[in-house]
């Protein structure tokens, strides 16, 4: 039995010796590698390698070896998980206003409301225009007004160069009726011959006949804007700048084609500038008559 044990041990020694001569001696080294840990981050690790190359030897030196050749490019990895949503950016500028939309369909009519309370009584209306006088009454009324002026209010300011000037202020009339009123008392629409005459007539009216702060009177004169002349009743022309005019007068040009009638304006304030002559179209105003003494 002992003899068989010695013979088996000797055969194992021979086998090992033959394997060592048949296979070259391997070198054992460690190489750095990077692996992903459980958190998904790269972590340095070491891998044990074996080499049968007799020229490859593991160094025991602490010095850094030469940089190895770049390895082959690995295969494309799997697509990563979606990242977290980014922070919302600031609000942008207001855009250009859009075009106006179409008008919508008209809605149904509402329910009729209840009748409201009666309103207040309105203010009284303006006084109506006086009716036309009868043919006899018109002449008599003008005559009575003349007699009242001559008997109770006559003064030197009513006369000029022998003629009497009578203001008729019982009613306001248009030019055609004014001409008739003067004819009914034996006169005509008055002329004003100069500024002195104008002031005398205005003073008489202001002191005896004034009704409102400003009163207008028909005259027998007209304005010619083509040459700035004033025409008397008989056609005599006098330069317009020889008379006093209300500020803004006389009116002329294509804007006032019908402003040819000259009127006398008398203000209650003798110093007011808003009086004297002015030209308009046909107005409903008082009348100034001129009666020639025979």
Protein backbone atom coordinates (compact mmCIF):
# COMPACT_ATOMS: atom_id res chain seq x y z
CA UNK A 1 0.00 0.00 0.00
CA UNK A 2 2.76 2.41 0.89
CA UNK A 3 4.45 1.56 -2.40
CA UNK A 4 1.29 2.68 -4.38
CA UNK A 5 1.12 5.96 -2.46
CA UNK A 6 4.70 6.79 -3.27
CA UNK A 7 4.16 5.99 -6.92
CA UNK A 8 1.00 8.30 -7.15
CA UNK A 9 2.84 11.23 -5.58
CA UNK A 10 5.67 10.84 -8.04
CA UNK A 11 3.26 10.89 -10.97
CA UNK A 12 1.65 14.19 -9.77
CA UNK A 13 5.10 15.82 -9.56
CA UNK A 14 5.85 14.75 -13.11
CA UNK A 15 2.54 16.10 -14.39
CA UNK A 16 3.12 19.53 -12.79
CA UNK A 17 6.60 19.64 -14.20
CA UNK A 18 5.36 18.82 -17.67
CA UNK A 19 2.57 21.52 -17.43
CA UNK A 20 5.05 24.18 -16.38
CA UNK A 21 7.22 23.35 -19.39
CA UNK A 22 4.18 23.13 -21.74
CA UNK A 23 2.37 26.45 -20.70
CA UNK A 24 4.27 29.73 -20.29
CA UNK A 25 4.00 31.56 -16.98
CA UNK A 26 1.16 34.14 -16.82
CA UNK A 27 1.55 37.72 -15.49
CA UNK A 28 -1.09 39.12 -13.08
CA UNK A 29 -1.80 42.90 -13.14
CA UNK A 30 -4.57 45.37 -12.20
CA UNK A 31 -6.00 47.95 -14.62
CA UNK A 32 -8.12 51.03 -13.64
CA UNK A 33 -11.69 51.03 -14.96
CA UNK A 34 -14.69 53.31 -14.43
CA UNK A 35 -18.00 51.77 -13.53
CA UNK A 36 -21.46 53.25 -12.86
CA UNK A 37 -22.51 52.92 -9.26
CA UNK A 38 -26.07 52.54 -8.00
CA UNK A 39 -26.54 56.33 -8.11
CA UNK A 40 -25.75 56.47 -11.85
CA UNK A 41 -22.38 58.19 -11.34
CA UNK A 42 -18.98 57.10 -12.69
CA UNK A 43 -16.70 55.56 -10.03
CA UNK A 44 -13.03 54.45 -10.31
CA UNK A 45 -12.40 50.71 -9.81
CA UNK A 46 -9.62 48.17 -10.53
CA UNK A 47 -9.83 45.07 -12.68
CA UNK A 48 -7.42 42.10 -12.38
CA UNK A 49 -6.05 40.94 -15.73
CA UNK A 50 -3.90 38.01 -16.79
CA UNK A 51 -1.55 37.90 -19.75
CA UNK A 52 0.37 35.01 -21.30
CA UNK A 53 2.67 37.49 -23.10
CA UNK A 54 6.19 36.83 -21.82
CA UNK A 55 7.10 40.49 -22.59
CA UNK A 56 4.22 41.93 -20.52
CA UNK A 57 5.31 42.48 -17.00
CA UNK A 58 3.62 44.28 -14.17
CA UNK A 59 5.62 47.15 -12.82
CA UNK A 60 6.14 47.71 -9.16
CA UNK A 61 7.29 51.32 -9.68
CA UNK A 62 5.25 54.26 -8.36
CA UNK A 63 5.95 56.37 -11.50
CA UNK A 64 3.18 56.98 -13.99
CA UNK A 65 3.45 54.90 -17.11
CA UNK A 66 3.16 56.14 -20.66
CA UNK A 67 -0.26 57.00 -21.99
CA UNK A 68 -1.75 54.05 -23.76
CA UNK A 69 -3.34 54.13 -27.20
CA UNK A 70 -6.92 55.34 -27.56
CA UNK A 71 -9.29 52.44 -27.30
CA UNK A 72 -12.05 51.70 -29.77
CA UNK A 73 -15.22 53.77 -29.61
CA UNK A 74 -17.85 51.99 -27.64
CA UNK A 75 -21.38 51.39 -28.83
CA UNK A 76 -24.05 54.00 -28.38
CA UNK A 77 -25.61 53.74 -24.97
CA UNK A 78 -29.30 53.59 -24.16
CA UNK A 79 -31.31 56.83 -24.14
CA UNK A 80 -31.27 58.43 -20.72
CA UNK A 81 -34.34 59.28 -18.68
CA UNK A 82 -36.07 62.65 -19.30
CA UNK A 83 -34.59 65.51 -17.25
CA UNK A 84 -36.52 67.71 -14.84
CA UNK A 85 -38.68 70.52 -16.24
CA UNK A 86 -36.85 73.84 -16.49
CA UNK A 87 -37.79 77.09 -14.76
CA UNK A 88 -40.56 79.11 -16.44
CA UNK A 89 -39.11 82.12 -18.25
CA UNK A 90 -40.31 85.76 -17.87
CA UNK A 91 -43.51 86.95 -19.54
CA UNK A 92 -42.97 88.21 -23.09
CA UNK A 93 -43.99 91.61 -24.45
CA UNK A 94 -47.62 92.31 -25.35
CA UNK A 95 -48.37 91.38 -28.92
CA UNK A 96 -49.86 93.62 -31.61
CA UNK A 97 -53.66 94.09 -31.16
CA UNK A 98 -55.69 91.86 -33.40
CA UNK A 99 -58.19 93.16 -35.93
CA UNK A 100 -61.67 94.12 -34.81
CA UNK A 101 -64.09 91.24 -34.83
CA UNK A 102 -67.39 91.24 -36.65
CA UNK A 103 -70.45 92.72 -35.03
CA UNK A 104 -72.44 90.13 -33.19
CA UNK A 105 -76.06 89.30 -33.86
CA UNK A 106 -78.48 91.74 -32.30
CA UNK A 107 -79.95 90.43 -29.10
CA UNK A 108 -83.67 90.19 -28.40
CA UNK A 109 -85.56 93.29 -27.27
CA UNK A 110 -85.94 93.74 -23.55
CA UNK A 111 -89.22 93.70 -21.71
CA UNK A 112 -91.07 97.01 -21.92
CA UNK A 113 -90.74 98.98 -18.71
CA UNK A 114 -93.52 100.67 -16.80
CA UNK A 115 -94.65 104.19 -17.71
CA UNK A 116 -92.74 106.89 -15.86
CA UNK A 117 -94.18 109.75 -13.83
CA UNK A 118 -95.36 112.91 -15.54
CA UNK A 119 -92.65 115.46 -16.17
CA UNK A 120 -92.60 118.97 -14.76
CA UNK A 121 -94.48 121.74 -16.46
CA UNK A 122 -92.33 123.48 -19.05
CA UNK A 123 -91.27 127.12 -18.89
CA UNK A 124 -93.45 129.67 -20.72
CA UNK A 125 -92.52 130.14 -24.37
CA UNK A 126 -91.19 133.30 -25.95
CA UNK A 127 -93.58 136.06 -26.82
CA UNK A 128 -95.00 135.59 -30.29
CA UNK A 129 -94.52 138.02 -33.20
CA UNK A 130 -97.08 140.79 -33.32
CA UNK A 131 -99.66 140.43 -36.07
CA UNK A 132 -99.85 142.83 -39.01
CA UNK A 133 -101.75 146.03 -38.42
CA UNK A 134 -104.71 146.98 -40.55
CA UNK A 135 -104.09 149.58 -43.27
CA UNK A 136 -105.78 152.34 -41.29
CA UNK A 137 -104.49 151.31 -37.90
CA UNK A 138 -100.85 151.22 -39.06
CA UNK A 139 -100.90 154.79 -40.31
CA UNK A 140 -102.76 156.05 -37.24
CA UNK A 141 -100.38 154.27 -34.87
CA UNK A 142 -97.33 155.81 -36.54
CA UNK A 143 -98.97 159.25 -36.52
CA UNK A 144 -99.82 158.96 -32.83
CA UNK A 145 -96.19 158.00 -32.09
CA UNK A 146 -94.96 161.06 -34.00
CA UNK A 147 -97.32 163.43 -32.16
CA UNK A 148 -96.21 161.98 -28.83
CA UNK A 149 -92.57 162.63 -29.73
CA UNK A 150 -93.18 166.17 -30.99
CA UNK A 151 -95.39 167.27 -28.11
CA UNK A 152 -93.71 165.62 -25.11
CA UNK A 153 -90.15 164.72 -26.11
CA UNK A 154 -89.11 167.00 -28.88
CA UNK A 155 -85.59 168.48 -28.60
CA UNK A 156 -82.92 169.86 -30.89
CA UNK A 157 -81.37 166.41 -31.40
CA UNK A 158 -84.42 165.37 -33.42
CA UNK A 159 -83.73 167.87 -36.15
CA UNK A 160 -80.82 168.20 -38.55
CA UNK A 161 -80.50 170.72 -41.40
CA UNK A 162 -84.20 171.48 -41.24
CA UNK A 163 -85.46 167.86 -41.24
CA UNK A 164 -87.13 165.99 -38.37
CA UNK A 165 -85.95 162.45 -37.40
CA UNK A 166 -88.54 160.27 -35.71
CA UNK A 167 -87.65 156.83 -34.19
CA UNK A 168 -90.65 154.46 -34.35
CA UNK A 169 -90.33 151.82 -31.59
CA UNK A 170 -93.85 150.53 -31.10
CA UNK A 171 -92.93 147.33 -32.96
CA UNK A 172 -90.11 145.65 -34.91
CA UNK A 173 -90.59 145.14 -38.63
CA UNK A 174 -88.69 144.09 -41.76
CA UNK A 175 -87.42 146.62 -44.32
CA UNK A 176 -90.48 146.57 -46.59
CA UNK A 177 -92.82 147.32 -43.68
CA UNK A 178 -90.38 149.94 -42.36
CA UNK A 179 -90.56 151.85 -45.67
CA UNK A 180 -94.37 151.82 -45.50
CA UNK A 181 -94.45 153.06 -41.90
CA UNK A 182 -92.36 156.09 -42.84
CA UNK A 183 -94.53 156.83 -45.91
CA UNK A 184 -97.68 156.66 -43.80
CA UNK A 185 -96.45 159.66 -41.77
CA UNK A 186 -95.20 161.59 -44.80
CA UNK A 187 -91.54 160.64 -44.52
CA UNK A 188 -88.91 158.18 -45.71
CA UNK A 189 -86.33 155.89 -44.13
CA UNK A 190 -83.72 158.20 -42.62
CA UNK A 191 -80.23 159.10 -43.83
CA UNK A 192 -77.39 159.72 -41.36
CA UNK A 193 -75.20 162.42 -42.90
CA UNK A 194 -72.10 162.34 -40.65
CA UNK A 195 -70.83 161.23 -37.23
CA UNK A 196 -72.09 164.42 -35.51
CA UNK A 197 -75.57 163.74 -36.80
CA UNK A 198 -75.28 160.09 -35.68
CA UNK A 199 -74.31 161.11 -32.14
CA UNK A 200 -77.23 163.58 -31.86
CA UNK A 201 -79.83 161.03 -32.97
CA UNK A 202 -78.31 158.33 -30.70
CA UNK A 203 -78.36 160.73 -27.74
CA UNK A 204 -82.05 161.48 -28.29
CA UNK A 205 -82.94 157.79 -28.54
CA UNK A 206 -80.78 156.91 -25.50
CA UNK A 207 -82.43 159.60 -23.33
CA UNK A 208 -86.05 159.17 -24.42
CA UNK A 209 -86.78 155.99 -26.35
CA UNK A 210 -84.34 153.28 -25.23
CA UNK A 211 -85.87 149.87 -24.52
CA UNK A 212 -82.97 147.39 -24.33
CA UNK A 213 -79.23 147.72 -23.82
CA UNK A 214 -78.79 147.62 -27.61
CA UNK A 215 -81.36 148.69 -30.23
CA UNK A 216 -81.22 148.40 -34.03
CA UNK A 217 -82.92 150.83 -36.49
CA UNK A 218 -83.70 150.61 -40.20
CA UNK A 219 -82.10 153.37 -42.31
CA UNK A 220 -82.50 154.38 -45.93
CA UNK A 221 -78.79 153.73 -46.62
CA UNK A 222 -76.98 150.78 -48.26
CA UNK A 223 -73.36 149.58 -48.30
CA UNK A 224 -71.29 149.03 -51.48
CA UNK A 225 -68.47 146.63 -50.52
CA UNK A 226 -66.78 146.83 -53.94
CA UNK A 227 -65.43 150.32 -53.19
CA UNK A 228 -66.24 150.73 -49.48
CA UNK A 229 -68.89 153.36 -50.06
CA UNK A 230 -72.15 154.13 -48.29
CA UNK A 231 -75.05 155.10 -50.53
CA UNK A 232 -77.65 157.58 -49.29
CA UNK A 233 -81.31 157.20 -50.10
CA UNK A 234 -80.96 159.26 -53.30
CA UNK A 235 -77.85 157.32 -54.50
CA UNK A 236 -75.20 159.78 -53.25
CA UNK A 237 -72.00 157.88 -52.33
CA UNK A 238 -69.98 158.71 -49.22
CA UNK A 239 -66.69 156.96 -48.29
CA UNK A 240 -67.40 154.36 -45.64
CA UNK A 241 -64.43 155.42 -43.49
CA UNK A 242 -66.13 158.77 -42.82
CA UNK A 243 -68.55 157.03 -40.45
CA UNK A 244 -68.13 155.20 -37.16
CA UNK A 245 -68.76 151.43 -37.35
CA UNK A 246 -69.26 148.75 -34.76
CA UNK A 247 -66.09 146.59 -34.32
CA UNK A 248 -66.01 143.93 -37.04
CA UNK A 249 -68.16 145.97 -39.44
CA UNK A 250 -68.69 146.61 -42.29
CA UNK A 251 -69.14 143.07 -43.60
CA UNK A 252 -68.13 142.43 -47.20
CA UNK A 253 -66.87 139.91 -49.70
CA UNK A 254 -68.31 136.63 -50.97
CA UNK A 255 -69.20 135.49 -47.42
CA UNK A 256 -71.76 138.30 -47.00
CA UNK A 257 -73.41 138.79 -50.39
CA UNK A 258 -76.71 139.99 -48.86
CA UNK A 259 -75.34 142.28 -46.12
CA UNK A 260 -76.10 145.50 -47.96
CA UNK A 261 -78.59 147.23 -45.62
CA UNK A 262 -77.03 149.74 -43.20
CA UNK A 263 -78.45 149.89 -39.65
CA UNK A 264 -78.01 152.34 -36.79
CA UNK A 265 -77.10 150.62 -33.50
CA UNK A 266 -77.74 152.57 -30.28
CA UNK A 267 -76.35 151.26 -26.97
CA UNK A 268 -77.64 152.37 -23.56
CA UNK A 269 -74.03 153.11 -22.61
CA UNK A 270 -72.85 156.13 -24.61
CA UNK A 271 -69.20 155.02 -24.21
CA UNK A 272 -69.73 151.51 -25.59
CA UNK A 273 -67.95 150.68 -28.84
CA UNK A 274 -70.62 148.15 -29.82
CA UNK A 275 -72.91 150.64 -31.56
CA UNK A 276 -72.89 153.09 -34.53
CA UNK A 277 -73.18 151.61 -38.08
CA UNK A 278 -73.24 147.99 -39.22
CA UNK A 279 -74.51 146.23 -42.35
CA UNK A 280 -76.66 143.08 -42.42
CA UNK A 281 -79.31 141.40 -44.51
CA UNK A 282 -82.99 142.19 -43.82
CA UNK A 283 -83.61 142.29 -40.06
CA UNK A 284 -86.75 142.58 -37.93
CA UNK A 285 -85.95 145.81 -36.00
CA UNK A 286 -87.17 149.33 -35.15
CA UNK A 287 -87.50 152.18 -37.67
CA UNK A 288 -85.90 155.65 -38.00
CA UNK A 289 -87.86 157.99 -40.29
CA UNK A 290 -86.82 161.33 -41.80
CA UNK A 291 -89.49 164.01 -42.48
CA UNK A 292 -88.57 166.99 -44.61
CA UNK A 293 -89.97 170.34 -43.58
CA UNK A 294 -91.78 172.11 -46.40
